[in-house]
PDB file of N, CA and C in Angstrom:
ATOM      1  N   MET A   1     258.702  10.891 322.496  1.00  0.00           N
ATOM      2  CA  MET A   1     257.605  10.840 321.564  1.00  0.00           C
ATOM      3  C   MET A   1     256.331  11.193 322.319  1.00  0.00           C
ATOM      4  N   PHE A   2     255.342  11.640 321.564  1.00  0.00           N
ATOM      5  CA  PHE A   2     254.089  12.079 322.172  1.00  0.00           C
ATOM      6  C   PHE A   2     252.884  11.468 321.476  1.00  0.00           C
ATOM      7  N   VAL A   3     251.887  11.137 322.278  1.00  0.00           N
ATOM      8  CA  VAL A   3     250.555  10.827 321.779  1.00  0.00           C
ATOM      9  C   VAL A   3     249.719  12.061 322.074  1.00  0.00           C
ATOM     10  N   MET A   4     249.214  12.675 321.029  1.00  0.00           N
ATOM     11  CA  MET A   4     248.376  13.859 321.157  1.00  0.00           C
ATOM     12  C   MET A   4     246.940  13.409 320.893  1.00  0.00           C
ATOM     13  N   GLU A   5     246.158  13.294 321.942  1.00  0.00           N
ATOM     14  CA  GLU A   5     244.769  12.866 321.784  1.00  0.00           C
ATOM     15  C   GLU A   5     243.874  14.087 321.877  1.00  0.00           C
ATOM     16  N   LEU A   6     243.117  14.325 320.822  1.00  0.00           N
ATOM     17  CA  LEU A   6     242.195  15.452 320.871  1.00  0.00           C
ATOM     18  C   LEU A   6     240.769  14.937 320.941  1.00  0.00           C
ATOM     19  N   THR A   7     239.973  15.656 321.716  1.00  0.00           N
ATOM     20  CA  THR A   7     238.562  15.325 321.892  1.00  0.00           C
ATOM     21  C   THR A   7     237.749  16.539 321.488  1.00  0.00           C
ATOM     22  N   TYR A   8     236.755  16.310 320.647  1.00  0.00           N
ATOM     23  CA  TYR A   8     235.903  17.412 320.226  1.00  0.00           C
ATOM     24  C   TYR A   8     235.084  17.927 321.405  1.00  0.00           C
ATOM     25  N   THR A   9     235.001  19.238 321.502  1.00  0.00           N
ATOM     26  CA  THR A   9     234.232  19.884 322.562  1.00  0.00           C
ATOM     27  C   THR A   9     233.036  20.645 321.988  1.00  0.00           C
ATOM     28  N   ALA A  10     232.813  20.459 320.697  1.00  0.00           N
ATOM     29  CA  ALA A  10     231.708  21.126 320.001  1.00  0.00           C
ATOM     30  C   ALA A  10     231.062  20.104 319.064  1.00  0.00           C
ATOM     31  N   PRO A  11     229.862  20.388 318.586  1.00  0.00           N
ATOM     32  CA  PRO A  11     229.221  19.479 317.632  1.00  0.00           C
ATOM     33  C   PRO A  11     230.093  19.289 316.382  1.00  0.00           C
ATOM     34  N   ILE A  12     229.979  18.119 315.763  1.00  0.00           N
ATOM     35  CA  ILE A  12     230.809  17.779 314.608  1.00  0.00           C
ATOM     36  C   ILE A  12     230.674  18.806 313.481  1.00  0.00           C
ATOM     37  N   GLU A  13     229.507  19.431 313.366  1.00  0.00           N
ATOM     38  CA  GLU A  13     229.321  20.454 312.331  1.00  0.00           C
ATOM     39  C   GLU A  13     230.255  21.635 312.556  1.00  0.00           C
ATOM     40  N   ALA A  14     230.478  22.017 313.795  1.00  0.00           N
ATOM     41  CA  ALA A  14     231.402  23.109 314.112  1.00  0.00           C
ATOM     42  C   ALA A  14     232.842  22.687 313.832  1.00  0.00           C
ATOM     43  N   VAL A  15     233.162  21.434 314.119  1.00  0.00           N
ATOM     44  CA  VAL A  15     234.491  20.903 313.828  1.00  0.00           C
ATOM     45  C   VAL A  15     234.744  20.937 312.323  1.00  0.00           C
ATOM     46  N   GLU A  16     233.776  20.490 311.549  1.00  0.00           N
ATOM     47  CA  GLU A  16     233.907  20.433 310.085  1.00  0.00           C
ATOM     48  C   GLU A  16     234.182  21.809 309.483  1.00  0.00           C
ATOM     49  N   ASP A  17     233.694  22.872 310.123  1.00  0.00           N
ATOM     50  CA  ASP A  17     233.947  24.231 309.632  1.00  0.00           C
ATOM     51  C   ASP A  17     235.435  24.562 309.600  1.00  0.00           C
ATOM     52  N   HIS A  18     236.247  23.850 310.369  1.00  0.00           N
ATOM     53  CA  HIS A  18     237.677  24.160 310.499  1.00  0.00           C
ATOM     54  C   HIS A  18     238.573  23.036 309.985  1.00  0.00           C
ATOM     55  N   ILE A  19     237.976  22.045 309.301  1.00  0.00           N
ATOM     56  CA  ILE A  19     238.723  20.849 308.904  1.00  0.00           C
ATOM     57  C   ILE A  19     239.812  21.162 307.880  1.00  0.00           C
ATOM     58  N   ASP A  20     239.558  22.044 306.924  1.00  0.00           N
ATOM     59  CA  ASP A  20     240.575  22.360 305.917  1.00  0.00           C
ATOM     60  C   ASP A  20     241.791  23.023 306.561  1.00  0.00           C
ATOM     61  N   ALA A  21     241.554  23.944 307.476  1.00  0.00           N
ATOM     62  CA  ALA A  21     242.665  24.606 308.172  1.00  0.00           C
ATOM     63  C   ALA A  21     243.421  23.601 309.042  1.00  0.00           C
ATOM     64  N   HIS A  22     242.696  22.679 309.676  1.00  0.00           N
ATOM     65  CA  HIS A  22     243.325  21.648 310.497  1.00  0.00           C
ATOM     66  C   HIS A  22     244.211  20.755 309.627  1.00  0.00           C
ATOM     67  N   PHE A  23     243.716  20.347 308.450  1.00  0.00           N
ATOM     68  CA  PHE A  23     244.514  19.515 307.550  1.00  0.00           C
ATOM     69  C   PHE A  23     245.765  20.244 307.077  1.00  0.00           C
ATOM     70  N   ALA A  24     245.653  21.534 306.791  1.00  0.00           N
ATOM     71  CA  ALA A  24     246.834  22.319 306.388  1.00  0.00           C
ATOM     72  C   ALA A  24     247.851  22.386 307.522  1.00  0.00           C
ATOM     73  N   TRP A  25     247.372  22.548 308.746  1.00  0.00           N
ATOM     74  CA  TRP A  25     248.242  22.553 309.939  1.00  0.00           C
ATOM     75  C   TRP A  25     248.938  21.210 310.066  1.00  0.00           C
ATOM     76  N   LEU A  26     248.185  20.101 309.921  1.00  0.00           N
ATOM     77  CA  LEU A  26     248.792  18.765 309.959  1.00  0.00           C
ATOM     78  C   LEU A  26     249.885  18.643 308.892  1.00  0.00           C
ATOM     79  N   ASP A  27     249.570  19.039 307.659  1.00  0.00           N
ATOM     80  CA  ASP A  27     250.523  18.916 306.556  1.00  0.00           C
ATOM     81  C   ASP A  27     251.835  19.636 306.850  1.00  0.00           C
ATOM     82  N   GLY A  28     251.751  20.797 307.486  1.00  0.00           N
ATOM     83  CA  GLY A  28     252.954  21.547 307.822  1.00  0.00           C
ATOM     84  C   GLY A  28     253.850  20.797 308.792  1.00  0.00           C
ATOM     85  N   TYR A  29     253.245  20.156 309.786  1.00  0.00           N
ATOM     86  CA  TYR A  29     254.052  19.421 310.768  1.00  0.00           C
ATOM     87  C   TYR A  29     254.497  18.050 310.250  1.00  0.00           C
ATOM     88  N   TYR A  30     253.779  17.476 309.269  1.00  0.00           N
ATOM     89  CA  TYR A  30     254.298  16.290 308.583  1.00  0.00           C
ATOM     90  C   TYR A  30     255.530  16.687 307.773  1.00  0.00           C
ATOM     91  N   ALA A  31     255.451  17.807 307.072  1.00  0.00           N
ATOM     92  CA  ALA A  31     256.569  18.265 306.241  1.00  0.00           C
ATOM     93  C   ALA A  31     257.814  18.543 307.072  1.00  0.00           C
ATOM     94  N   SER A  32     257.615  19.025 308.294  1.00  0.00           N
ATOM     95  CA  SER A  32     258.769  19.324 309.162  1.00  0.00           C
ATOM     96  C   SER A  32     259.309  18.085 309.860  1.00  0.00           C
ATOM     97  N   GLY A  33     258.594  16.952 309.756  1.00  0.00           N
ATOM     98  CA  GLY A  33     259.046  15.714 310.371  1.00  0.00           C
ATOM     99  C   GLY A  33     258.583  15.502 311.797  1.00  0.00           C
ATOM    100  N   VAL A  34     257.789  16.404 312.331  1.00  0.00           N
ATOM    101  CA  VAL A  34     257.322  16.280 313.718  1.00  0.00           C
ATOM    102  C   VAL A  34     256.203  15.251 313.830  1.00  0.00           C
ATOM    103  N   PHE A  35     255.248  15.281 312.911  1.00  0.00           N
ATOM    104  CA  PHE A  35     254.128  14.343 312.963  1.00  0.00           C
ATOM    105  C   PHE A  35     254.480  13.069 312.211  1.00  0.00           C
ATOM    106  N   LEU A  36     254.161  11.934 312.827  1.00  0.00           N
ATOM    107  CA  LEU A  36     254.487  10.624 312.270  1.00  0.00           C
ATOM    108  C   LEU A  36     253.256   9.876 311.782  1.00  0.00           C
ATOM    109  N   ALA A  37     252.124  10.064 312.438  1.00  0.00           N
ATOM    110  CA  ALA A  37     250.864   9.417 312.065  1.00  0.00           C
ATOM    111  C   ALA A  37     249.730  10.193 312.709  1.00  0.00           C
ATOM    112  N   SER A  38     248.558  10.127 312.081  1.00  0.00           N
ATOM    113  CA  SER A  38     247.387  10.797 312.660  1.00  0.00           C
ATOM    114  C   SER A  38     246.130  10.197 312.070  1.00  0.00           C
ATOM    115  N   GLY A  39     245.020  10.435 312.755  1.00  0.00           N
ATOM    116  CA  GLY A  39     243.737   9.978 312.238  1.00  0.00           C
ATOM    117  C   GLY A  39     242.613  10.192 313.228  1.00  0.00           C
ATOM    118  N   ARG A  40     241.408   9.934 312.749  1.00  0.00           N
ATOM    119  CA  ARG A  40     240.201  10.074 313.564  1.00  0.00           C
ATOM    120  C   ARG A  40     240.071   8.922 314.537  1.00  0.00           C
ATOM    121  N   LYS A  41     239.491   9.211 315.694  1.00  0.00           N
ATOM    122  CA  LYS A  41     239.140   8.155 316.639  1.00  0.00           C
ATOM    123  C   LYS A  41     237.827   7.511 316.174  1.00  0.00           C
ATOM    124  N   VAL A  42     237.623   6.294 316.593  1.00  0.00           N
ATOM    125  CA  VAL A  42     236.380   5.564 316.315  1.00  0.00           C
ATOM    126  C   VAL A  42     235.768   5.197 317.653  1.00  0.00           C
ATOM    127  N   PRO A  43     234.592   5.732 317.999  1.00  0.00           N
ATOM    128  CA  PRO A  43     233.750   6.601 317.183  1.00  0.00           C
ATOM    129  C   PRO A  43     234.389   7.972 316.997  1.00  0.00           C
ATOM    130  N   ARG A  44     233.861   8.728 316.054  1.00  0.00           N
ATOM    131  CA  ARG A  44     234.451  10.008 315.661  1.00  0.00           C
ATOM    132  C   ARG A  44     234.133  11.103 316.690  1.00  0.00           C
ATOM    133  N   ASP A  45     234.888  11.075 317.782  1.00  0.00           N
ATOM    134  CA  ASP A  45     234.736  12.118 318.807  1.00  0.00           C
ATOM    135  C   ASP A  45     236.050  12.857 319.024  1.00  0.00           C
ATOM    136  N   GLY A  46     236.973  12.713 318.068  1.00  0.00           N
ATOM    137  CA  GLY A  46     238.267  13.373 318.168  1.00  0.00           C
ATOM    138  C   GLY A  46     239.273  12.680 317.274  1.00  0.00           C
ATOM    139  N   GLY A  47     240.546  12.805 317.622  1.00  0.00           N
ATOM    140  CA  GLY A  47     241.601  12.210 316.819  1.00  0.00           C
ATOM    141  C   GLY A  47     242.840  11.947 317.649  1.00  0.00           C
ATOM    142  N   VAL A  48     243.833  11.355 316.996  1.00  0.00           N
ATOM    143  CA  VAL A  48     245.109  11.027 317.640  1.00  0.00           C
ATOM    144  C   VAL A  48     246.226  11.388 316.677  1.00  0.00           C
ATOM    145  N   ILE A  49     247.291  11.960 317.225  1.00  0.00           N
ATOM    146  CA  ILE A  49     248.490  12.280 316.456  1.00  0.00           C
ATOM    147  C   ILE A  49     249.683  11.699 317.201  1.00  0.00           C
ATOM    148  N   LEU A  50     250.582  11.026 316.487  1.00  0.00           N
ATOM    149  CA  LEU A  50     251.869  10.608 317.037  1.00  0.00           C
ATOM    150  C   LEU A  50     252.901  11.611 316.559  1.00  0.00           C
ATOM    151  N   ALA A  51     253.691  12.125 317.495  1.00  0.00           N
ATOM    152  CA  ALA A  51     254.665  13.165 317.162  1.00  0.00           C
ATOM    153  C   ALA A  51     255.977  12.898 317.880  1.00  0.00           C
ATOM    154  N   GLY A  52     257.060  13.393 317.317  1.00  0.00           N
ATOM    155  CA  GLY A  52     258.359  13.204 317.956  1.00  0.00           C
ATOM    156  C   GLY A  52     259.362  14.247 317.515  1.00  0.00           C
ATOM    157  N   GLY A  53     260.500  14.221 318.196  1.00  0.00           N
ATOM    158  CA  GLY A  53     261.601  15.097 317.820  1.00  0.00           C
ATOM    159  C   GLY A  53     261.532  16.500 318.378  1.00  0.00           C
ATOM    160  N   VAL A  54     260.595  16.752 319.290  1.00  0.00           N
ATOM    161  CA  VAL A  54     260.469  18.077 319.897  1.00  0.00           C
ATOM    162  C   VAL A  54     260.279  17.921 321.405  1.00  0.00           C
ATOM    163  N   SER A  55     260.404  19.003 322.116  1.00  0.00           N
ATOM    164  CA  SER A  55     260.236  18.995 323.573  1.00  0.00           C
ATOM    165  C   SER A  55     258.765  19.057 323.968  1.00  0.00           C
ATOM    166  N   ARG A  56     258.524  18.834 325.240  1.00  0.00           N
ATOM    167  CA  ARG A  56     257.159  18.948 325.774  1.00  0.00           C
ATOM    168  C   ARG A  56     256.605  20.354 325.547  1.00  0.00           C
ATOM    169  N   ALA A  57     257.422  21.366 325.813  1.00  0.00           N
ATOM    170  CA  ALA A  57     256.975  22.746 325.616  1.00  0.00           C
ATOM    171  C   ALA A  57     256.624  23.006 324.150  1.00  0.00           C
ATOM    172  N   GLU A  58     257.423  22.468 323.241  1.00  0.00           N
ATOM    173  CA  GLU A  58     257.150  22.660 321.818  1.00  0.00           C
ATOM    174  C   GLU A  58     255.866  21.956 321.397  1.00  0.00           C
ATOM    175  N   ILE A  59     255.633  20.744 321.890  1.00  0.00           N
ATOM    176  CA  ILE A  59     254.430  20.014 321.479  1.00  0.00           C
ATOM    177  C   ILE A  59     253.183  20.700 322.028  1.00  0.00           C
ATOM    178  N   GLU A  60     253.273  21.279 323.216  1.00  0.00           N
ATOM    179  CA  GLU A  60     252.139  22.035 323.761  1.00  0.00           C
ATOM    180  C   GLU A  60     251.861  23.279 322.929  1.00  0.00           C
ATOM    181  N   LYS A  61     252.922  23.939 322.450  1.00  0.00           N
ATOM    182  CA  LYS A  61     252.759  25.107 321.586  1.00  0.00           C
ATOM    183  C   LYS A  61     252.124  24.699 320.258  1.00  0.00           C
ATOM    184  N   ILE A  62     252.572  23.566 319.712  1.00  0.00           N
ATOM    185  CA  ILE A  62     252.008  23.057 318.462  1.00  0.00           C
ATOM    186  C   ILE A  62     250.508  22.773 318.625  1.00  0.00           C
ATOM    187  N   ALA A  63     250.133  22.108 319.714  1.00  0.00           N
ATOM    188  CA  ALA A  63     248.711  21.816 319.964  1.00  0.00           C
ATOM    189  C   ALA A  63     247.902  23.108 320.085  1.00  0.00           C
ATOM    190  N   ALA A  64     248.481  24.112 320.702  1.00  0.00           N
ATOM    191  CA  ALA A  64     247.773  25.389 320.866  1.00  0.00           C
ATOM    192  C   ALA A  64     247.564  26.098 319.537  1.00  0.00           C
ATOM    193  N   GLU A  65     248.392  25.784 318.537  1.00  0.00           N
ATOM    194  CA  GLU A  65     248.275  26.398 317.211  1.00  0.00           C
ATOM    195  C   GLU A  65     247.270  25.689 316.308  1.00  0.00           C
ATOM    196  N   ASP A  66     246.831  24.501 316.683  1.00  0.00           N
ATOM    197  CA  ASP A  66     245.868  23.752 315.865  1.00  0.00           C
ATOM    198  C   ASP A  66     244.634  24.633 315.652  1.00  0.00           C
ATOM    199  N   PRO A  67     244.196  24.802 314.414  1.00  0.00           N
ATOM    200  CA  PRO A  67     242.985  25.590 314.169  1.00  0.00           C
ATOM    201  C   PRO A  67     241.770  25.098 314.960  1.00  0.00           C
ATOM    202  N   PHE A  68     241.707  23.801 315.259  1.00  0.00           N
ATOM    203  CA  PHE A  68     240.631  23.302 316.109  1.00  0.00           C
ATOM    204  C   PHE A  68     240.721  23.906 317.509  1.00  0.00           C
ATOM    205  N   THR A  69     241.936  23.994 318.045  1.00  0.00           N
ATOM    206  CA  THR A  69     242.133  24.587 319.375  1.00  0.00           C
ATOM    207  C   THR A  69     241.786  26.069 319.344  1.00  0.00           C
ATOM    208  N   VAL A  70     242.308  26.763 318.335  1.00  0.00           N
ATOM    209  CA  VAL A  70     242.069  28.203 318.208  1.00  0.00           C
ATOM    210  C   VAL A  70     240.573  28.491 318.122  1.00  0.00           C
ATOM    211  N   ALA A  71     239.832  27.632 317.418  1.00  0.00           N
ATOM    212  CA  ALA A  71     238.381  27.820 317.263  1.00  0.00           C
ATOM    213  C   ALA A  71     237.595  27.343 318.481  1.00  0.00           C
ATOM    214  N   GLY A  72     238.273  26.679 319.414  1.00  0.00           N
ATOM    215  CA  GLY A  72     237.594  26.210 320.621  1.00  0.00           C
ATOM    216  C   GLY A  72     236.712  24.991 320.409  1.00  0.00           C
ATOM    217  N   VAL A  73     237.051  24.154 319.408  1.00  0.00           N
ATOM    218  CA  VAL A  73     236.216  22.980 319.142  1.00  0.00           C
ATOM    219  C   VAL A  73     236.851  21.666 319.597  1.00  0.00           C
ATOM    220  N   CYS A  74     238.025  21.742 320.233  1.00  0.00           N
ATOM    221  CA  CYS A  74     238.652  20.528 320.747  1.00  0.00           C
ATOM    222  C   CYS A  74     239.517  20.836 321.960  1.00  0.00           C
ATOM    223  N   ALA A  75     239.843  19.796 322.693  1.00  0.00           N
ATOM    224  CA  ALA A  75     240.783  19.874 323.815  1.00  0.00           C
ATOM    225  C   ALA A  75     241.806  18.763 323.615  1.00  0.00           C
ATOM    226  N   TYR A  76     243.053  19.048 323.973  1.00  0.00           N
ATOM    227  CA  TYR A  76     244.137  18.069 323.827  1.00  0.00           C
ATOM    228  C   TYR A  76     244.507  17.437 325.156  1.00  0.00           C
ATOM    229  N   ARG A  77     244.841  16.168 325.080  1.00  0.00           N
ATOM    230  CA  ARG A  77     245.499  15.437 326.164  1.00  0.00           C
ATOM    231  C   ARG A  77     246.796  14.918 325.565  1.00  0.00           C
ATOM    232  N   ILE A  78     247.921  15.335 326.118  1.00  0.00           N
ATOM    233  CA  ILE A  78     249.226  14.990 325.563  1.00  0.00           C
ATOM    234  C   ILE A  78     249.939  14.049 326.521  1.00  0.00           C
ATOM    235  N   THR A  79     250.343  12.884 325.991  1.00  0.00           N
ATOM    236  CA  THR A  79     251.056  11.892 326.780  1.00  0.00           C
ATOM    237  C   THR A  79     252.436  11.691 326.175  1.00  0.00           C
ATOM    238  N   GLU A  80     253.459  11.870 326.981  1.00  0.00           N
ATOM    239  CA  GLU A  80     254.824  11.622 326.520  1.00  0.00           C
ATOM    240  C   GLU A  80     255.224  10.201 326.877  1.00  0.00           C
ATOM    241  N   PHE A  81     255.933   9.536 325.956  1.00  0.00           N
ATOM    242  CA  PHE A  81     256.440   8.194 326.250  1.00  0.00           C
ATOM    243  C   PHE A  81     257.766   7.992 325.529  1.00  0.00           C
ATOM    244  N   LEU A  82     258.522   7.017 325.984  1.00  0.00           N
ATOM    245  CA  LEU A  82     259.796   6.668 325.354  1.00  0.00           C
ATOM    246  C   LEU A  82     259.555   5.517 324.389  1.00  0.00           C
ATOM    247  N   ALA A  83     259.759   5.754 323.123  1.00  0.00           N
ATOM    248  CA  ALA A  83     259.551   4.737 322.089  1.00  0.00           C
ATOM    249  C   ALA A  83     260.818   3.886 321.989  1.00  0.00           C
ATOM    250  N   THR A  84     260.955   2.944 322.910  1.00  0.00           N
ATOM    251  CA  THR A  84     262.166   2.120 322.953  1.00  0.00           C
ATOM    252  C   THR A  84     262.125   0.952 321.973  1.00  0.00           C
ATOM    253  N   LYS A  85     260.942   0.590 321.496  1.00  0.00           N
ATOM    254  CA  LYS A  85     260.790  -0.420 320.438  1.00  0.00           C
ATOM    255  C   LYS A  85     259.873   0.176 319.378  1.00  0.00           C
ATOM    256  N   THR A  86     260.252  -0.015 318.120  1.00  0.00           N
ATOM    257  CA  THR A  86     259.452   0.478 317.011  1.00  0.00           C
ATOM    258  C   THR A  86     259.540  -0.505 315.848  1.00  0.00           C
ATOM    259  N   SER A  87     258.681  -0.306 314.879  1.00  0.00           N
ATOM    260  CA  SER A  87     258.820  -1.029 313.623  1.00  0.00           C
ATOM    261  C   SER A  87     260.062  -0.498 312.911  1.00  0.00           C
ATOM    262  N   ALA A  88     260.514  -1.228 311.923  1.00  0.00           N
ATOM    263  CA  ALA A  88     261.679  -0.780 311.150  1.00  0.00           C
ATOM    264  C   ALA A  88     261.409   0.580 310.507  1.00  0.00           C
ATOM    265  N   ASP A  89     260.164   0.819 310.108  1.00  0.00           N
ATOM    266  CA  ASP A  89     259.806   2.091 309.474  1.00  0.00           C
ATOM    267  C   ASP A  89     259.953   3.283 310.416  1.00  0.00           C
ATOM    268  N   LEU A  90     259.876   3.039 311.713  1.00  0.00           N
ATOM    269  CA  LEU A  90     259.983   4.124 312.690  1.00  0.00           C
ATOM    270  C   LEU A  90     261.315   4.093 313.458  1.00  0.00           C
ATOM    271  N   ALA A  91     262.281   3.368 312.940  1.00  0.00           N
ATOM    272  CA  ALA A  91     263.570   3.227 313.640  1.00  0.00           C
ATOM    273  C   ALA A  91     264.239   4.579 313.895  1.00  0.00           C
ATOM    274  N   THR A  92     264.012   5.555 313.054  1.00  0.00           N
ATOM    275  CA  THR A  92     264.660   6.854 313.233  1.00  0.00           C
ATOM    276  C   THR A  92     264.147   7.620 314.449  1.00  0.00           C
ATOM    277  N   VAL A  93     262.984   7.226 314.975  1.00  0.00           N
ATOM    278  CA  VAL A  93     262.452   7.919 316.155  1.00  0.00           C
ATOM    279  C   VAL A  93     262.579   7.083 317.414  1.00  0.00           C
ATOM    280  N   ARG A  94     263.228   5.925 317.303  1.00  0.00           N
ATOM    281  CA  ARG A  94     263.419   5.050 318.454  1.00  0.00           C
ATOM    282  C   ARG A  94     264.303   5.762 319.472  1.00  0.00           C
ATOM    283  N   GLU A  95     263.945   5.592 320.763  1.00  0.00           N
ATOM    284  CA  GLU A  95     264.669   6.243 321.850  1.00  0.00           C
ATOM    285  C   GLU A  95     265.350   5.198 322.709  1.00  0.00           C
ATOM    286  N   ASN A  96     266.555   5.501 323.136  1.00  0.00           N
ATOM    287  CA  ASN A  96     267.325   4.585 323.998  1.00  0.00           C
ATOM    288  C   ASN A  96     267.722   5.329 325.271  1.00  0.00           C
ATOM    289  N   PRO A  97     266.823   5.329 326.256  1.00  0.00           N
ATOM    290  CA  PRO A  97     267.132   6.054 327.488  1.00  0.00           C
ATOM    291  C   PRO A  97     268.236   5.360 328.274  1.00  0.00           C
ATOM    292  N   ALA A  98     268.924   6.128 329.070  1.00  0.00           N
ATOM    293  CA  ALA A  98     269.941   5.560 329.965  1.00  0.00           C
ATOM    294  C   ALA A  98     269.257   4.649 330.972  1.00  0.00           C
ATOM    295  N   VAL A  99     269.821   3.495 331.195  1.00  0.00           N
ATOM    296  CA  VAL A  99     269.214   2.516 332.100  1.00  0.00           C
ATOM    297  C   VAL A  99     269.598   2.824 333.523  1.00  0.00           C
TER     298      VAL A  99
END
């Protein structure tokens, strides 16, 4: 699983210019099952996406396709982790690594 933390690198007005395209991009990856949760950071200087079911290379490609990235208004920090405990709602993405 991945935590995709994005930080705005441009004024919020420039970010807002690309928000509709960013939301459409999010919707596509929710529909495919890759994105599990997302939202704005507080304070509003970026956002966070939880994603799973893909490789590190795939998640980096996905981040590069974000309209915010393409427009140069954000930078991503991607952290991979093993979701060995989850809520019942996220049981399908729970990981059981070899001990």
